[in-house]
Amino acid sequence: MEGVIANFRRGRHVQTGNHMIIYLKDQTDSEKLVGKKVVWKSENGKEFTGKVASTHGNNGALRVIFERGLPGQSLGTKVQII
């Protein structure tokens, strides 16, 4: 399944580098994906792996915690949910 990185998880003053908000095309399956593995591949061939922590909001978005922080170039790109 594919998702699109929307933004970092952030508050008013703090942005968390390794927490990302991801939107899906199928909003109904978001609760079933909690605990799944997420992989983002950079243009250089590096892979960043993470885990779906929970849903985010009422529109089926996911909150994903990655092992390392993702760069700003990752915003708007696709991720694979395994």
PDB file of N, CA and C in Angstrom:
ATOM      1  N   MET A   1       0.842  -1.168   0.000  1.00  0.00           N
ATOM      2  CA  MET A   1       0.000   0.000   0.000  1.00  0.00           C
ATOM      3  C   MET A   1       0.892   1.238   0.000  1.00  0.00           C
ATOM      4  N   GLU A   2       0.448   2.263  -0.684  1.00  0.00           N
ATOM      5  CA  GLU A   2       1.229   3.491  -0.770  1.00  0.00           C
ATOM      6  C   GLU A   2       0.559   4.617   0.000  1.00  0.00           C
ATOM      7  N   GLY A   3       1.390   5.504   0.500  1.00  0.00           N
ATOM      8  CA  GLY A   3       0.930   6.709   1.155  1.00  0.00           C
ATOM      9  C   GLY A   3       1.795   7.875   0.725  1.00  0.00           C
ATOM     10  N   VAL A   4       1.363   9.081   1.085  1.00  0.00           N
ATOM     11  CA  VAL A   4       2.097  10.296   0.737  1.00  0.00           C
ATOM     12  C   VAL A   4       2.426  11.035   2.024  1.00  0.00           C
ATOM     13  N   ILE A   5       3.686  11.435   2.165  1.00  0.00           N
ATOM     14  CA  ILE A   5       4.114  12.180   3.347  1.00  0.00           C
ATOM     15  C   ILE A   5       3.553  13.595   3.260  1.00  0.00           C
ATOM     16  N   ALA A   6       2.771  13.976   4.264  1.00  0.00           N
ATOM     17  CA  ALA A   6       2.141  15.287   4.265  1.00  0.00           C
ATOM     18  C   ALA A   6       2.989  16.318   4.998  1.00  0.00           C
ATOM     19  N   ASN A   7       3.453  15.974   6.196  1.00  0.00           N
ATOM     20  CA  ASN A   7       4.176  16.952   6.994  1.00  0.00           C
ATOM     21  C   ASN A   7       4.858  16.252   8.162  1.00  0.00           C
ATOM     22  N   PHE A   8       5.713  16.987   8.844  1.00  0.00           N
ATOM     23  CA  PHE A   8       6.259  16.535  10.109  1.00  0.00           C
ATOM     24  C   PHE A   8       5.167  16.643  11.160  1.00  0.00           C
ATOM     25  N   ARG A   9       5.289  15.858  12.215  1.00  0.00           N
ATOM     26  CA  ARG A   9       4.409  16.059  13.353  1.00  0.00           C
ATOM     27  C   ARG A   9       4.926  17.292  14.079  1.00  0.00           C
ATOM     28  N   ARG A  10       4.061  18.242  14.315  1.00  0.00           N
ATOM     29  CA  ARG A  10       4.526  19.501  14.884  1.00  0.00           C
ATOM     30  C   ARG A  10       3.472  20.111  15.780  1.00  0.00           C
ATOM     31  N   GLY A  11       3.973  20.984  16.606  1.00  0.00           N
ATOM     32  CA  GLY A  11       3.121  21.783  17.458  1.00  0.00           C
ATOM     33  C   GLY A  11       3.335  23.243  17.108  1.00  0.00           C
ATOM     34  N   ARG A  12       3.006  24.095  18.012  1.00  0.00           N
ATOM     35  CA  ARG A  12       3.148  25.521  17.750  1.00  0.00           C
ATOM     36  C   ARG A  12       4.613  25.949  17.723  1.00  0.00           C
ATOM     37  N   HIS A  13       5.423  25.362  18.591  1.00  0.00           N
ATOM     38  CA  HIS A  13       6.812  25.783  18.712  1.00  0.00           C
ATOM     39  C   HIS A  13       7.826  24.712  18.335  1.00  0.00           C
ATOM     40  N   VAL A  14       7.419  23.448  18.294  1.00  0.00           N
ATOM     41  CA  VAL A  14       8.365  22.349  18.132  1.00  0.00           C
ATOM     42  C   VAL A  14       7.968  21.484  16.938  1.00  0.00           C
ATOM     43  N   GLN A  15       8.952  21.113  16.124  1.00  0.00           N
ATOM     44  CA  GLN A  15       8.754  20.173  15.023  1.00  0.00           C
ATOM     45  C   GLN A  15       9.561  18.928  15.327  1.00  0.00           C
ATOM     46  N   THR A  16       8.926  17.765  15.270  1.00  0.00           N
ATOM     47  CA  THR A  16       9.596  16.513  15.567  1.00  0.00           C
ATOM     48  C   THR A  16      10.100  15.900  14.275  1.00  0.00           C
ATOM     49  N   GLY A  17      11.403  15.697  14.159  1.00  0.00           N
ATOM     50  CA  GLY A  17      12.023  15.300  12.898  1.00  0.00           C
ATOM     51  C   GLY A  17      11.751  13.881  12.463  1.00  0.00           C
ATOM     52  N   ASN A  18      11.523  12.967  13.401  1.00  0.00           N
ATOM     53  CA  ASN A  18      11.327  11.584  13.002  1.00  0.00           C
ATOM     54  C   ASN A  18       9.870  11.130  13.074  1.00  0.00           C
ATOM     55  N   HIS A  19       8.952  12.028  13.363  1.00  0.00           N
ATOM     56  CA  HIS A  19       7.522  11.724  13.347  1.00  0.00           C
ATOM     57  C   HIS A  19       6.922  12.381  12.111  1.00  0.00           C
ATOM     58  N   MET A  20       6.224  11.584  11.279  1.00  0.00           N
ATOM     59  CA  MET A  20       5.648  12.107  10.045  1.00  0.00           C
ATOM     60  C   MET A  20       4.158  11.807  10.003  1.00  0.00           C
ATOM     61  N   ILE A  21       3.415  12.680   9.320  1.00  0.00           N
ATOM     62  CA  ILE A  21       1.995  12.471   9.066  1.00  0.00           C
ATOM     63  C   ILE A  21       1.873  12.005   7.620  1.00  0.00           C
ATOM     64  N   ILE A  22       1.199  10.881   7.412  1.00  0.00           N
ATOM     65  CA  ILE A  22       1.078  10.282   6.088  1.00  0.00           C
ATOM     66  C   ILE A  22      -0.395  10.124   5.748  1.00  0.00           C
ATOM     67  N   TYR A  23      -0.765  10.536   4.524  1.00  0.00           N
ATOM     68  CA  TYR A  23      -2.131  10.379   4.042  1.00  0.00           C
ATOM     69  C   TYR A  23      -2.222   9.186   3.107  1.00  0.00           C
ATOM     70  N   LEU A  24      -3.366   8.493   3.160  1.00  0.00           N
ATOM     71  CA  LEU A  24      -3.624   7.333   2.321  1.00  0.00           C
ATOM     72  C   LEU A  24      -4.748   7.649   1.345  1.00  0.00           C
ATOM     73  N   LYS A  25      -4.813   6.863   0.263  1.00  0.00           N
ATOM     74  CA  LYS A  25      -5.940   6.991  -0.654  1.00  0.00           C
ATOM     75  C   LYS A  25      -7.178   6.339  -0.072  1.00  0.00           C
ATOM     76  N   ASP A  26      -7.014   5.173   0.551  1.00  0.00           N
ATOM     77  CA  ASP A  26      -8.125   4.463   1.196  1.00  0.00           C
ATOM     78  C   ASP A  26      -8.148   4.833   2.666  1.00  0.00           C
ATOM     79  N   GLN A  27      -9.126   5.623   3.056  1.00  0.00           N
ATOM     80  CA  GLN A  27      -9.168   6.118   4.425  1.00  0.00           C
ATOM     81  C   GLN A  27      -9.739   5.097   5.392  1.00  0.00           C
ATOM     82  N   THR A  28     -10.465   4.107   4.891  1.00  0.00           N
ATOM     83  CA  THR A  28     -11.123   3.162   5.785  1.00  0.00           C
ATOM     84  C   THR A  28     -10.154   2.164   6.409  1.00  0.00           C
ATOM     85  N   ASP A  29      -9.002   1.933   5.787  1.00  0.00           N
ATOM     86  CA  ASP A  29      -8.073   0.920   6.266  1.00  0.00           C
ATOM     87  C   ASP A  29      -7.035   1.451   7.241  1.00  0.00           C
ATOM     88  N   SER A  30      -7.133   2.691   7.658  1.00  0.00           N
ATOM     89  CA  SER A  30      -6.056   3.287   8.448  1.00  0.00           C
ATOM     90  C   SER A  30      -5.918   2.643   9.825  1.00  0.00           C
ATOM     91  N   GLU A  31      -7.000   2.246  10.458  1.00  0.00           N
ATOM     92  CA  GLU A  31      -6.898   1.649  11.791  1.00  0.00           C
ATOM     93  C   GLU A  31      -6.264   0.269  11.738  1.00  0.00           C
ATOM     94  N   LYS A  32      -6.391  -0.430  10.615  1.00  0.00           N
ATOM     95  CA  LYS A  32      -5.814  -1.763  10.490  1.00  0.00           C
ATOM     96  C   LYS A  32      -4.302  -1.724  10.259  1.00  0.00           C
ATOM     97  N   LEU A  33      -3.768  -0.574   9.888  1.00  0.00           N
ATOM     98  CA  LEU A  33      -2.353  -0.459   9.554  1.00  0.00           C
ATOM     99  C   LEU A  33      -1.460  -0.120  10.740  1.00  0.00           C
ATOM    100  N   VAL A  34      -2.036   0.083  11.916  1.00  0.00           N
ATOM    101  CA  VAL A  34      -1.226   0.419  13.091  1.00  0.00           C
ATOM    102  C   VAL A  34      -0.303  -0.749  13.416  1.00  0.00           C
ATOM    103  N   GLY A  35       0.987  -0.465  13.526  1.00  0.00           N
ATOM    104  CA  GLY A  35       1.995  -1.478  13.803  1.00  0.00           C
ATOM    105  C   GLY A  35       2.729  -1.969  12.567  1.00  0.00           C
ATOM    106  N   LYS A  36       2.304  -1.562  11.374  1.00  0.00           N
ATOM    107  CA  LYS A  36       2.950  -1.999  10.132  1.00  0.00           C
ATOM    108  C   LYS A  36       4.248  -1.236   9.899  1.00  0.00           C
ATOM    109  N   LYS A  37       5.079  -1.779   9.024  1.00  0.00           N
ATOM    110  CA  LYS A  37       6.366  -1.179   8.692  1.00  0.00           C
ATOM    111  C   LYS A  37       6.192  -0.225   7.516  1.00  0.00           C
ATOM    112  N   VAL A  38       6.917   0.894   7.551  1.00  0.00           N
ATOM    113  CA  VAL A  38       6.864   1.906   6.496  1.00  0.00           C
ATOM    114  C   VAL A  38       8.289   2.131   5.989  1.00  0.00           C
ATOM    115  N   VAL A  39       8.453   2.206   4.655  1.00  0.00           N
ATOM    116  CA  VAL A  39       9.777   2.394   4.048  1.00  0.00           C
ATOM    117  C   VAL A  39       9.712   3.586   3.105  1.00  0.00           C
ATOM    118  N   TRP A  40      10.662   4.517   3.267  1.00  0.00           N
ATOM    119  CA  TRP A  40      10.838   5.643   2.347  1.00  0.00           C
ATOM    120  C   TRP A  40      12.215   5.527   1.727  1.00  0.00           C
ATOM    121  N   LYS A  41      12.274   5.588   0.400  1.00  0.00           N
ATOM    122  CA  LYS A  41      13.543   5.485  -0.309  1.00  0.00           C
ATOM    123  C   LYS A  41      13.927   6.849  -0.849  1.00  0.00           C
ATOM    124  N   SER A  42      15.170   7.260  -0.578  1.00  0.00           N
ATOM    125  CA  SER A  42      15.652   8.546  -1.061  1.00  0.00           C
ATOM    126  C   SER A  42      16.147   8.409  -2.491  1.00  0.00           C
ATOM    127  N   GLU A  43      16.474   9.529  -3.115  1.00  0.00           N
ATOM    128  CA  GLU A  43      16.997   9.512  -4.476  1.00  0.00           C
ATOM    129  C   GLU A  43      18.377   8.867  -4.534  1.00  0.00           C
ATOM    130  N   ASN A  44      19.119   8.914  -3.439  1.00  0.00           N
ATOM    131  CA  ASN A  44      20.456   8.322  -3.380  1.00  0.00           C
ATOM    132  C   ASN A  44      20.426   6.824  -3.148  1.00  0.00           C
ATOM    133  N   GLY A  45      19.248   6.261  -2.888  1.00  0.00           N
ATOM    134  CA  GLY A  45      19.136   4.832  -2.644  1.00  0.00           C
ATOM    135  C   GLY A  45      19.079   4.445  -1.181  1.00  0.00           C
ATOM    136  N   LYS A  46      19.121   5.411  -0.283  1.00  0.00           N
ATOM    137  CA  LYS A  46      19.026   5.103   1.136  1.00  0.00           C
ATOM    138  C   LYS A  46      17.580   4.783   1.494  1.00  0.00           C
ATOM    139  N   GLU A  47      17.428   3.879   2.444  1.00  0.00           N
ATOM    140  CA  GLU A  47      16.096   3.510   2.915  1.00  0.00           C
ATOM    141  C   GLU A  47      15.940   3.925   4.365  1.00  0.00           C
ATOM    142  N   PHE A  48      14.837   4.574   4.650  1.00  0.00           N
ATOM    143  CA  PHE A  48      14.482   4.958   6.005  1.00  0.00           C
ATOM    144  C   PHE A  48      13.258   4.143   6.392  1.00  0.00           C
ATOM    145  N   THR A  49      13.360   3.421   7.506  1.00  0.00           N
ATOM    146  CA  THR A  49      12.252   2.581   7.932  1.00  0.00           C
ATOM    147  C   THR A  49      11.595   3.173   9.168  1.00  0.00           C
ATOM    148  N   GLY A  50      10.320   2.918   9.289  1.00  0.00           N
ATOM    149  CA  GLY A  50       9.567   3.398  10.424  1.00  0.00           C
ATOM    150  C   GLY A  50       8.419   2.466  10.729  1.00  0.00           C
ATOM    151  N   LYS A  51       7.624   2.856  11.703  1.00  0.00           N
ATOM    152  CA  LYS A  51       6.514   2.042  12.162  1.00  0.00           C
ATOM    153  C   LYS A  51       5.295   2.928  12.360  1.00  0.00           C
ATOM    154  N   VAL A  52       4.134   2.445  11.948  1.00  0.00           N
ATOM    155  CA  VAL A  52       2.898   3.198  12.116  1.00  0.00           C
ATOM    156  C   VAL A  52       2.536   3.177  13.596  1.00  0.00           C
ATOM    157  N   ALA A  53       2.454   4.363  14.205  1.00  0.00           N
ATOM    158  CA  ALA A  53       2.188   4.457  15.635  1.00  0.00           C
ATOM    159  C   ALA A  53       0.691   4.530  15.919  1.00  0.00           C
ATOM    160  N   SER A  54      -0.033   5.357  15.146  1.00  0.00           N
ATOM    161  CA  SER A  54      -1.459   5.522  15.383  1.00  0.00           C
ATOM    162  C   SER A  54      -2.080   6.254  14.205  1.00  0.00           C
ATOM    163  N   THR A  55      -3.394   6.396  14.269  1.00  0.00           N
ATOM    164  CA  THR A  55      -4.071   7.225  13.280  1.00  0.00           C
ATOM    165  C   THR A  55      -3.943   8.677  13.702  1.00  0.00           C
ATOM    166  N   HIS A  56      -4.236   9.576  12.770  1.00  0.00           N
ATOM    167  CA  HIS A  56      -4.104  11.006  13.046  1.00  0.00           C
ATOM    168  C   HIS A  56      -5.322  11.712  12.471  1.00  0.00           C
ATOM    169  N   GLY A  57      -6.154  12.240  13.341  1.00  0.00           N
ATOM    170  CA  GLY A  57      -7.323  12.970  12.883  1.00  0.00           C
ATOM    171  C   GLY A  57      -8.459  12.053  12.459  1.00  0.00           C
ATOM    172  N   ASN A  58      -9.466  12.643  11.814  1.00  0.00           N
ATOM    173  CA  ASN A  58     -10.656  11.904  11.425  1.00  0.00           C
ATOM    174  C   ASN A  58     -10.696  11.544   9.947  1.00  0.00           C
ATOM    175  N   ASN A  59      -9.678  11.904   9.173  1.00  0.00           N
ATOM    176  CA  ASN A  59      -9.705  11.673   7.736  1.00  0.00           C
ATOM    177  C   ASN A  59      -8.808  10.530   7.293  1.00  0.00           C
ATOM    178  N   GLY A  60      -8.371   9.689   8.204  1.00  0.00           N
ATOM    179  CA  GLY A  60      -7.614   8.498   7.838  1.00  0.00           C
ATOM    180  C   GLY A  60      -6.124   8.684   7.690  1.00  0.00           C
ATOM    181  N   ALA A  61      -5.555   9.745   8.220  1.00  0.00           N
ATOM    182  CA  ALA A  61      -4.103   9.934   8.163  1.00  0.00           C
ATOM    183  C   ALA A  61      -3.435   9.051   9.214  1.00  0.00           C
ATOM    184  N   LEU A  62      -2.147   8.794   9.012  1.00  0.00           N
ATOM    185  CA  LEU A  62      -1.374   7.966   9.930  1.00  0.00           C
ATOM    186  C   LEU A  62      -0.229   8.760  10.517  1.00  0.00           C
ATOM    187  N   ARG A  63       0.140   8.430  11.752  1.00  0.00           N
ATOM    188  CA  ARG A  63       1.323   8.998  12.378  1.00  0.00           C
ATOM    189  C   ARG A  63       2.381   7.920  12.408  1.00  0.00           C
ATOM    190  N   VAL A  64       3.525   8.187  11.772  1.00  0.00           N
ATOM    191  CA  VAL A  64       4.595   7.200  11.629  1.00  0.00           C
ATOM    192  C   VAL A  64       5.834   7.705  12.352  1.00  0.00           C
ATOM    193  N   ILE A  65       6.462   6.825  13.123  1.00  0.00           N
ATOM    194  CA  ILE A  65       7.708   7.145  13.813  1.00  0.00           C
ATOM    195  C   ILE A  65       8.838   6.435  13.079  1.00  0.00           C
ATOM    196  N   PHE A  66       9.758   7.201  12.507  1.00  0.00           N
ATOM    197  CA  PHE A  66      10.901   6.648  11.797  1.00  0.00           C
ATOM    198  C   PHE A  66      12.081   6.514  12.753  1.00  0.00           C
ATOM    199  N   GLU A  67      13.023   5.633  12.400  1.00  0.00           N
ATOM    200  CA  GLU A  67      14.207   5.427  13.239  1.00  0.00           C
ATOM    201  C   GLU A  67      15.086   6.672  13.245  1.00  0.00           C
ATOM    202  N   ARG A  68      15.253   7.272  12.074  1.00  0.00           N
ATOM    203  CA  ARG A  68      16.023   8.511  11.940  1.00  0.00           C
ATOM    204  C   ARG A  68      15.105   9.564  11.359  1.00  0.00           C
ATOM    205  N   GLY A  69      15.479  10.818  11.537  1.00  0.00           N
ATOM    206  CA  GLY A  69      14.686  11.904  10.988  1.00  0.00           C
ATOM    207  C   GLY A  69      14.786  11.953   9.473  1.00  0.00           C
ATOM    208  N   LEU A  70      13.685  12.295   8.824  1.00  0.00           N
ATOM    209  CA  LEU A  70      13.662  12.398   7.372  1.00  0.00           C
ATOM    210  C   LEU A  70      14.014  13.819   6.954  1.00  0.00           C
ATOM    211  N   PRO A  71      14.628  13.974   5.780  1.00  0.00           N
ATOM    212  CA  PRO A  71      14.949  15.322   5.299  1.00  0.00           C
ATOM    213  C   PRO A  71      13.693  16.022   4.789  1.00  0.00           C
ATOM    214  N   GLY A  72      13.787  17.309   4.600  1.00  0.00           N
ATOM    215  CA  GLY A  72      12.667  18.090   4.107  1.00  0.00           C
ATOM    216  C   GLY A  72      12.264  17.723   2.693  1.00  0.00           C
ATOM    217  N   GLN A  73      13.183  17.135   1.909  1.00  0.00           N
ATOM    218  CA  GLN A  73      12.867  16.715   0.549  1.00  0.00           C
ATOM    219  C   GLN A  73      11.870  15.565   0.524  1.00  0.00           C
ATOM    220  N   SER A  74      11.629  14.931   1.644  1.00  0.00           N
ATOM    221  CA  SER A  74      10.700  13.804   1.674  1.00  0.00           C
ATOM    222  C   SER A  74       9.243  14.250   1.641  1.00  0.00           C
ATOM    223  N   LEU A  75       8.964  15.501   1.934  1.00  0.00           N
ATOM    224  CA  LEU A  75       7.587  15.987   1.956  1.00  0.00           C
ATOM    225  C   LEU A  75       6.976  15.892   0.554  1.00  0.00           C
ATOM    226  N   GLY A  76       5.805  15.288   0.484  1.00  0.00           N
ATOM    227  CA  GLY A  76       5.114  15.142  -0.794  1.00  0.00           C
ATOM    228  C   GLY A  76       5.497  13.916  -1.578  1.00  0.00           C
ATOM    229  N   THR A  77       6.424  13.098  -1.084  1.00  0.00           N
ATOM    230  CA  THR A  77       6.847  11.900  -1.800  1.00  0.00           C
ATOM    231  C   THR A  77       6.100  10.678  -1.260  1.00  0.00           C
ATOM    232  N   LYS A  78       6.222   9.565  -1.971  1.00  0.00           N
ATOM    233  CA  LYS A  78       5.498   8.364  -1.631  1.00  0.00           C
ATOM    234  C   LYS A  78       6.302   7.469  -0.695  1.00  0.00           C
ATOM    235  N   VAL A  79       5.575   6.732   0.140  1.00  0.00           N
ATOM    236  CA  VAL A  79       6.158   5.728   1.022  1.00  0.00           C
ATOM    237  C   VAL A  79       5.431   4.410   0.789  1.00  0.00           C
ATOM    238  N   GLN A  80       6.101   3.318   1.087  1.00  0.00           N
ATOM    239  CA  GLN A  80       5.515   1.993   0.991  1.00  0.00           C
ATOM    240  C   GLN A  80       5.166   1.502   2.393  1.00  0.00           C
ATOM    241  N   ILE A  81       3.929   1.041   2.573  1.00  0.00           N
ATOM    242  CA  ILE A  81       3.502   0.461   3.839  1.00  0.00           C
ATOM    243  C   ILE A  81       3.428  -1.045   3.635  1.00  0.00           C
ATOM    244  N   ILE A  82       4.238  -1.761   4.393  1.00  0.00           N
ATOM    245  CA  ILE A  82       4.374  -3.219   4.206  1.00  0.00           C
ATOM    246  C   ILE A  82       3.604  -3.947   5.296  1.00  0.00           C
TER     247      ILE A  82
END
